[in-house]
Amino acid sequence: MSTTVTQHAVILFAHGSRDTLWRRPIEAVAQRIKQLSPATVVACAYLELTEPDLAATVALLVETGIHSVRIVPMFLGVGKHAREDLPLLVQELKIQYPHVSFELRQAIGEEDELVHAMAAIALR
């Protein structure tokens, strides 16, 4: 009997910027994930102005054997991008890669742990 191992990945999805230094915090989160969980495949993707975009990132992951993708929107608030644009992009990916499981998380700014951390930092 053979066992199939499902390969999982986490994509940190952010807006993007023309400023090349802007991506540093997102990449720092990716590095911290790698430190905390070395077996976790993690990648960054951007909506605009910064490469790679979500489609290119997913294509690369799928080429390496990934079958399950968790997309974490790295937005503090839920605006048009997180509410409308990102779900449409994910729907297109589901059609393009029907054999891949996609999980779209809520914006990171809506997570209780982050709200607590930001409040604690503000009170220091």
N, C-alpha and C. Protein backbone atom coordinates (compact mmCIF):
# COMPACT_ATOMS: atom_id res chain seq x y z
N MET A 1 0.84 -1.17 0.00
CA MET A 1 0.00 0.00 0.00
C MET A 1 0.89 1.24 0.00
N SER A 2 0.69 2.16 -0.95
CA SER A 2 1.50 3.37 -0.99
C SER A 2 0.73 4.51 -0.35
N THR A 3 1.46 5.38 0.29
CA THR A 3 0.88 6.53 0.95
C THR A 3 1.23 7.78 0.16
N THR A 4 0.24 8.58 -0.14
CA THR A 4 0.47 9.84 -0.84
C THR A 4 0.61 10.94 0.18
N VAL A 5 1.68 11.70 0.10
CA VAL A 5 1.90 12.82 1.00
C VAL A 5 1.46 14.09 0.29
N THR A 6 0.54 14.81 0.90
CA THR A 6 0.10 16.07 0.33
C THR A 6 1.09 17.15 0.70
N GLN A 7 1.55 17.86 -0.30
CA GLN A 7 2.48 18.96 -0.07
C GLN A 7 1.70 20.25 0.13
N HIS A 8 1.97 20.93 1.24
CA HIS A 8 1.28 22.17 1.60
C HIS A 8 2.21 23.35 1.45
N ALA A 9 1.64 24.50 1.17
CA ALA A 9 2.41 25.75 1.12
C ALA A 9 1.57 26.88 1.70
N VAL A 10 2.27 27.88 2.20
CA VAL A 10 1.65 29.11 2.68
C VAL A 10 2.15 30.24 1.79
N ILE A 11 1.21 31.02 1.27
CA ILE A 11 1.57 32.20 0.50
C ILE A 11 1.16 33.43 1.30
N LEU A 12 2.13 34.30 1.57
CA LEU A 12 1.85 35.58 2.19
C LEU A 12 1.55 36.55 1.06
N PHE A 13 0.31 37.04 1.00
CA PHE A 13 -0.13 37.87 -0.10
C PHE A 13 -0.26 39.32 0.36
N ALA A 14 0.48 40.21 -0.30
CA ALA A 14 0.49 41.62 0.08
C ALA A 14 0.21 42.49 -1.14
N HIS A 15 0.04 43.77 -0.89
CA HIS A 15 -0.33 44.69 -1.96
C HIS A 15 0.80 44.90 -2.96
N GLY A 16 1.96 45.28 -2.48
CA GLY A 16 3.08 45.62 -3.36
C GLY A 16 3.31 47.12 -3.37
N SER A 17 4.50 47.52 -3.83
CA SER A 17 4.87 48.93 -3.85
C SER A 17 6.01 49.13 -4.84
N ARG A 18 6.14 50.34 -5.33
CA ARG A 18 7.29 50.66 -6.19
C ARG A 18 8.58 50.73 -5.37
N ASP A 19 8.45 50.98 -4.08
CA ASP A 19 9.60 51.07 -3.17
C ASP A 19 10.10 49.66 -2.87
N THR A 20 11.33 49.37 -3.26
CA THR A 20 11.86 48.02 -3.07
C THR A 20 12.03 47.64 -1.60
N LEU A 21 12.14 48.61 -0.72
CA LEU A 21 12.28 48.32 0.71
C LEU A 21 10.96 47.92 1.34
N TRP A 22 9.86 48.24 0.68
CA TRP A 22 8.53 47.98 1.22
C TRP A 22 8.31 46.50 1.53
N ARG A 23 8.89 45.62 0.74
CA ARG A 23 8.63 44.19 0.89
C ARG A 23 9.36 43.55 2.08
N ARG A 24 10.27 44.28 2.68
CA ARG A 24 11.06 43.71 3.79
C ARG A 24 10.22 43.10 4.91
N PRO A 25 9.17 43.77 5.42
CA PRO A 25 8.40 43.16 6.51
C PRO A 25 7.70 41.86 6.09
N ILE A 26 7.22 41.79 4.87
CA ILE A 26 6.55 40.57 4.40
C ILE A 26 7.57 39.44 4.32
N GLU A 27 8.73 39.75 3.78
CA GLU A 27 9.78 38.74 3.68
C GLU A 27 10.29 38.32 5.06
N ALA A 28 10.26 39.26 6.01
CA ALA A 28 10.67 38.92 7.38
C ALA A 28 9.69 37.92 8.00
N VAL A 29 8.41 38.09 7.72
CA VAL A 29 7.42 37.14 8.21
C VAL A 29 7.67 35.77 7.58
N ALA A 30 7.97 35.74 6.29
CA ALA A 30 8.27 34.47 5.61
C ALA A 30 9.48 33.80 6.25
N GLN A 31 10.51 34.57 6.54
CA GLN A 31 11.71 34.00 7.18
C GLN A 31 11.39 33.47 8.57
N ARG A 32 10.53 34.18 9.31
CA ARG A 32 10.17 33.72 10.65
C ARG A 32 9.37 32.42 10.57
N ILE A 33 8.50 32.30 9.58
CA ILE A 33 7.76 31.04 9.38
C ILE A 33 8.75 29.91 9.14
N LYS A 34 9.75 30.15 8.31
CA LYS A 34 10.76 29.13 8.02
C LYS A 34 11.53 28.73 9.28
N GLN A 35 11.80 29.70 10.16
CA GLN A 35 12.49 29.40 11.41
C GLN A 35 11.60 28.58 12.34
N LEU A 36 10.33 28.98 12.43
CA LEU A 36 9.40 28.30 13.33
C LEU A 36 9.00 26.92 12.83
N SER A 37 8.94 26.76 11.51
CA SER A 37 8.48 25.51 10.91
C SER A 37 9.28 25.23 9.65
N PRO A 38 10.50 24.70 9.79
CA PRO A 38 11.37 24.50 8.63
C PRO A 38 10.76 23.63 7.53
N ALA A 39 9.82 22.78 7.87
CA ALA A 39 9.21 21.91 6.86
C ALA A 39 8.13 22.63 6.04
N THR A 40 7.72 23.81 6.49
CA THR A 40 6.66 24.53 5.80
C THR A 40 7.22 25.25 4.58
N VAL A 41 6.58 25.04 3.45
CA VAL A 41 6.92 25.78 2.23
C VAL A 41 6.21 27.11 2.32
N VAL A 42 6.95 28.20 2.20
CA VAL A 42 6.36 29.54 2.30
C VAL A 42 6.88 30.39 1.15
N ALA A 43 5.99 31.21 0.62
CA ALA A 43 6.34 32.11 -0.48
C ALA A 43 5.58 33.42 -0.30
N CYS A 44 6.08 34.46 -0.94
CA CYS A 44 5.41 35.75 -0.94
C CYS A 44 4.87 36.03 -2.33
N ALA A 45 3.73 36.71 -2.39
CA ALA A 45 3.14 37.11 -3.66
C ALA A 45 2.50 38.49 -3.47
N TYR A 46 2.40 39.23 -4.56
CA TYR A 46 1.95 40.61 -4.48
C TYR A 46 0.88 40.90 -5.52
N LEU A 47 -0.03 41.80 -5.16
CA LEU A 47 -1.13 42.16 -6.04
C LEU A 47 -0.65 43.00 -7.21
N GLU A 48 0.18 43.99 -6.94
CA GLU A 48 0.65 44.88 -7.99
C GLU A 48 1.95 45.56 -7.59
N LEU A 49 2.65 46.06 -8.56
CA LEU A 49 3.85 46.87 -8.39
C LEU A 49 5.06 46.11 -7.88
N THR A 50 4.91 44.87 -7.50
CA THR A 50 6.00 44.05 -6.97
C THR A 50 5.83 42.64 -7.53
N GLU A 51 6.93 42.02 -7.84
CA GLU A 51 6.91 40.63 -8.33
C GLU A 51 7.36 39.71 -7.22
N PRO A 52 6.89 38.47 -7.22
CA PRO A 52 5.99 37.83 -8.16
C PRO A 52 4.53 38.07 -7.78
N ASP A 53 3.66 37.92 -8.78
CA ASP A 53 2.24 38.02 -8.48
C ASP A 53 1.72 36.66 -8.01
N LEU A 54 0.46 36.61 -7.63
CA LEU A 54 -0.11 35.39 -7.06
C LEU A 54 -0.10 34.24 -8.07
N ALA A 55 -0.48 34.51 -9.30
CA ALA A 55 -0.54 33.45 -10.32
C ALA A 55 0.84 32.84 -10.56
N ALA A 56 1.86 33.66 -10.64
CA ALA A 56 3.22 33.15 -10.87
C ALA A 56 3.71 32.34 -9.67
N THR A 57 3.39 32.79 -8.48
CA THR A 57 3.80 32.08 -7.28
C THR A 57 3.13 30.71 -7.20
N VAL A 58 1.83 30.67 -7.46
CA VAL A 58 1.11 29.40 -7.44
C VAL A 58 1.65 28.46 -8.51
N ALA A 59 1.89 28.98 -9.71
CA ALA A 59 2.42 28.14 -10.80
C ALA A 59 3.74 27.50 -10.39
N LEU A 60 4.62 28.27 -9.78
CA LEU A 60 5.90 27.72 -9.34
C LEU A 60 5.72 26.66 -8.26
N LEU A 61 4.83 26.91 -7.31
CA LEU A 61 4.59 25.94 -6.24
C LEU A 61 3.99 24.65 -6.79
N VAL A 62 3.04 24.78 -7.70
CA VAL A 62 2.41 23.59 -8.28
C VAL A 62 3.46 22.78 -9.06
N GLU A 63 4.36 23.46 -9.76
CA GLU A 63 5.43 22.77 -10.49
C GLU A 63 6.32 21.94 -9.56
N THR A 64 6.44 22.38 -8.31
CA THR A 64 7.28 21.66 -7.35
C THR A 64 6.53 20.59 -6.59
N GLY A 65 5.24 20.39 -6.93
CA GLY A 65 4.48 19.30 -6.31
C GLY A 65 3.52 19.71 -5.21
N ILE A 66 3.31 21.00 -5.03
CA ILE A 66 2.37 21.47 -4.01
C ILE A 66 0.94 21.14 -4.43
N HIS A 67 0.16 20.61 -3.49
CA HIS A 67 -1.24 20.25 -3.75
C HIS A 67 -2.22 21.01 -2.87
N SER A 68 -1.71 21.78 -1.92
CA SER A 68 -2.57 22.49 -0.98
C SER A 68 -1.91 23.84 -0.66
N VAL A 69 -2.69 24.92 -0.83
CA VAL A 69 -2.14 26.27 -0.66
C VAL A 69 -3.03 27.05 0.30
N ARG A 70 -2.41 27.61 1.32
CA ARG A 70 -3.10 28.54 2.24
C ARG A 70 -2.61 29.94 1.87
N ILE A 71 -3.55 30.82 1.54
CA ILE A 71 -3.21 32.20 1.18
C ILE A 71 -3.58 33.09 2.36
N VAL A 72 -2.57 33.81 2.86
CA VAL A 72 -2.76 34.68 4.01
C VAL A 72 -2.65 36.13 3.54
N PRO A 73 -3.76 36.86 3.47
CA PRO A 73 -3.70 38.26 3.07
C PRO A 73 -3.02 39.10 4.16
N MET A 74 -1.93 39.73 3.80
CA MET A 74 -1.15 40.51 4.75
C MET A 74 -1.63 41.96 4.76
N PHE A 75 -2.94 42.12 4.96
CA PHE A 75 -3.57 43.44 5.00
C PHE A 75 -4.05 43.71 6.42
N LEU A 76 -3.86 44.94 6.90
CA LEU A 76 -4.36 45.28 8.23
C LEU A 76 -5.87 45.46 8.22
N GLY A 77 -6.39 45.97 7.14
CA GLY A 77 -7.83 46.16 7.02
C GLY A 77 -8.36 45.48 5.78
N VAL A 78 -9.68 45.35 5.73
CA VAL A 78 -10.32 44.72 4.59
C VAL A 78 -10.90 45.81 3.70
N GLY A 79 -10.19 46.08 2.63
CA GLY A 79 -10.68 47.02 1.62
C GLY A 79 -11.04 46.24 0.37
N LYS A 80 -11.13 46.94 -0.73
CA LYS A 80 -11.55 46.34 -1.98
C LYS A 80 -10.63 45.18 -2.39
N HIS A 81 -9.33 45.34 -2.19
CA HIS A 81 -8.40 44.28 -2.60
C HIS A 81 -8.68 42.97 -1.87
N ALA A 82 -8.81 43.04 -0.57
CA ALA A 82 -9.04 41.81 0.21
C ALA A 82 -10.47 41.30 0.06
N ARG A 83 -11.42 42.20 -0.08
CA ARG A 83 -12.83 41.82 -0.14
C ARG A 83 -13.26 41.35 -1.52
N GLU A 84 -12.72 41.97 -2.59
CA GLU A 84 -13.19 41.68 -3.94
C GLU A 84 -12.11 41.09 -4.85
N ASP A 85 -10.97 41.77 -4.95
CA ASP A 85 -9.94 41.37 -5.91
C ASP A 85 -9.34 40.00 -5.60
N LEU A 86 -8.94 39.81 -4.36
CA LEU A 86 -8.28 38.55 -3.99
C LEU A 86 -9.20 37.34 -4.15
N PRO A 87 -10.45 37.37 -3.68
CA PRO A 87 -11.31 36.20 -3.92
C PRO A 87 -11.48 35.87 -5.41
N LEU A 88 -11.51 36.87 -6.27
CA LEU A 88 -11.60 36.61 -7.71
C LEU A 88 -10.34 35.93 -8.22
N LEU A 89 -9.18 36.39 -7.76
CA LEU A 89 -7.92 35.76 -8.15
C LEU A 89 -7.88 34.30 -7.71
N VAL A 90 -8.33 34.05 -6.49
CA VAL A 90 -8.32 32.68 -5.96
C VAL A 90 -9.30 31.81 -6.75
N GLN A 91 -10.45 32.35 -7.10
CA GLN A 91 -11.41 31.59 -7.90
C GLN A 91 -10.81 31.20 -9.25
N GLU A 92 -10.08 32.11 -9.87
CA GLU A 92 -9.41 31.80 -11.14
C GLU A 92 -8.38 30.69 -10.95
N LEU A 93 -7.66 30.72 -9.84
CA LEU A 93 -6.66 29.68 -9.56
C LEU A 93 -7.33 28.33 -9.36
N LYS A 94 -8.48 28.31 -8.69
CA LYS A 94 -9.20 27.05 -8.47
C LYS A 94 -9.63 26.44 -9.80
N ILE A 95 -10.00 27.28 -10.74
CA ILE A 95 -10.38 26.78 -12.08
C ILE A 95 -9.15 26.27 -12.82
N GLN A 96 -8.06 27.02 -12.74
CA GLN A 96 -6.84 26.64 -13.45
C GLN A 96 -6.18 25.40 -12.85
N TYR A 97 -6.29 25.23 -11.54
CA TYR A 97 -5.65 24.10 -10.84
C TYR A 97 -6.70 23.34 -10.02
N PRO A 98 -7.59 22.61 -10.68
CA PRO A 98 -8.66 21.93 -9.94
C PRO A 98 -8.15 20.85 -8.99
N HIS A 99 -6.94 20.39 -9.18
CA HIS A 99 -6.37 19.35 -8.32
C HIS A 99 -5.68 19.93 -7.08
N VAL A 100 -5.66 21.25 -6.96
CA VAL A 100 -5.01 21.92 -5.83
C VAL A 100 -6.09 22.46 -4.90
N SER A 101 -5.89 22.26 -3.61
CA SER A 101 -6.80 22.79 -2.60
C SER A 101 -6.31 24.18 -2.20
N PHE A 102 -7.20 25.17 -2.25
CA PHE A 102 -6.86 26.53 -1.87
C PHE A 102 -7.67 26.94 -0.65
N GLU A 103 -6.99 27.50 0.34
CA GLU A 103 -7.64 28.05 1.53
C GLU A 103 -7.30 29.53 1.59
N LEU A 104 -8.30 30.37 1.55
CA LEU A 104 -8.09 31.81 1.66
C LEU A 104 -8.46 32.24 3.07
N ARG A 105 -7.46 32.68 3.81
CA ARG A 105 -7.67 33.12 5.19
C ARG A 105 -8.20 34.55 5.21
N GLN A 106 -8.67 34.99 6.37
CA GLN A 106 -9.08 36.38 6.52
C GLN A 106 -7.84 37.27 6.58
N ALA A 107 -8.03 38.55 6.35
CA ALA A 107 -6.91 39.49 6.42
C ALA A 107 -6.24 39.38 7.79
N ILE A 108 -4.93 39.42 7.78
CA ILE A 108 -4.16 39.21 9.01
C ILE A 108 -4.51 40.25 10.08
N GLY A 109 -4.89 41.44 9.65
CA GLY A 109 -5.27 42.49 10.59
C GLY A 109 -6.54 42.20 11.35
N GLU A 110 -7.29 41.20 10.92
CA GLU A 110 -8.51 40.81 11.62
C GLU A 110 -8.29 39.67 12.61
N GLU A 111 -7.08 39.17 12.67
CA GLU A 111 -6.76 38.09 13.60
C GLU A 111 -6.58 38.66 15.01
N ASP A 112 -7.24 38.06 15.99
CA ASP A 112 -7.18 38.55 17.37
C ASP A 112 -5.75 38.68 17.88
N GLU A 113 -4.89 37.71 17.54
CA GLU A 113 -3.52 37.76 18.03
C GLU A 113 -2.77 38.99 17.53
N LEU A 114 -3.01 39.37 16.29
CA LEU A 114 -2.33 40.55 15.75
C LEU A 114 -2.89 41.83 16.36
N VAL A 115 -4.20 41.89 16.52
CA VAL A 115 -4.80 43.06 17.16
C VAL A 115 -4.23 43.23 18.56
N HIS A 116 -4.12 42.13 19.30
CA HIS A 116 -3.56 42.17 20.65
C HIS A 116 -2.09 42.64 20.61
N ALA A 117 -1.31 42.08 19.69
CA ALA A 117 0.11 42.45 19.58
C ALA A 117 0.27 43.94 19.25
N MET A 118 -0.55 44.44 18.34
CA MET A 118 -0.46 45.86 17.98
C MET A 118 -0.84 46.76 19.15
N ALA A 119 -1.86 46.36 19.91
CA ALA A 119 -2.25 47.13 21.09
C ALA A 119 -1.13 47.13 22.12
N ALA A 120 -0.52 45.97 22.34
CA ALA A 120 0.57 45.87 23.31
C ALA A 120 1.75 46.73 22.89
N ILE A 121 2.07 46.74 21.60
CA ILE A 121 3.17 47.56 21.10
C ILE A 121 2.84 49.03 21.30
N ALA A 122 1.61 49.42 21.01
CA ALA A 122 1.21 50.83 21.15
C ALA A 122 1.28 51.29 22.61
N LEU A 123 1.08 50.37 23.54
CA LEU A 123 1.10 50.72 24.97
C LEU A 123 2.49 50.71 25.58
N ARG A 124 3.49 50.27 24.85
CA ARG A 124 4.85 50.24 25.42
C ARG A 124 5.37 51.62 25.69
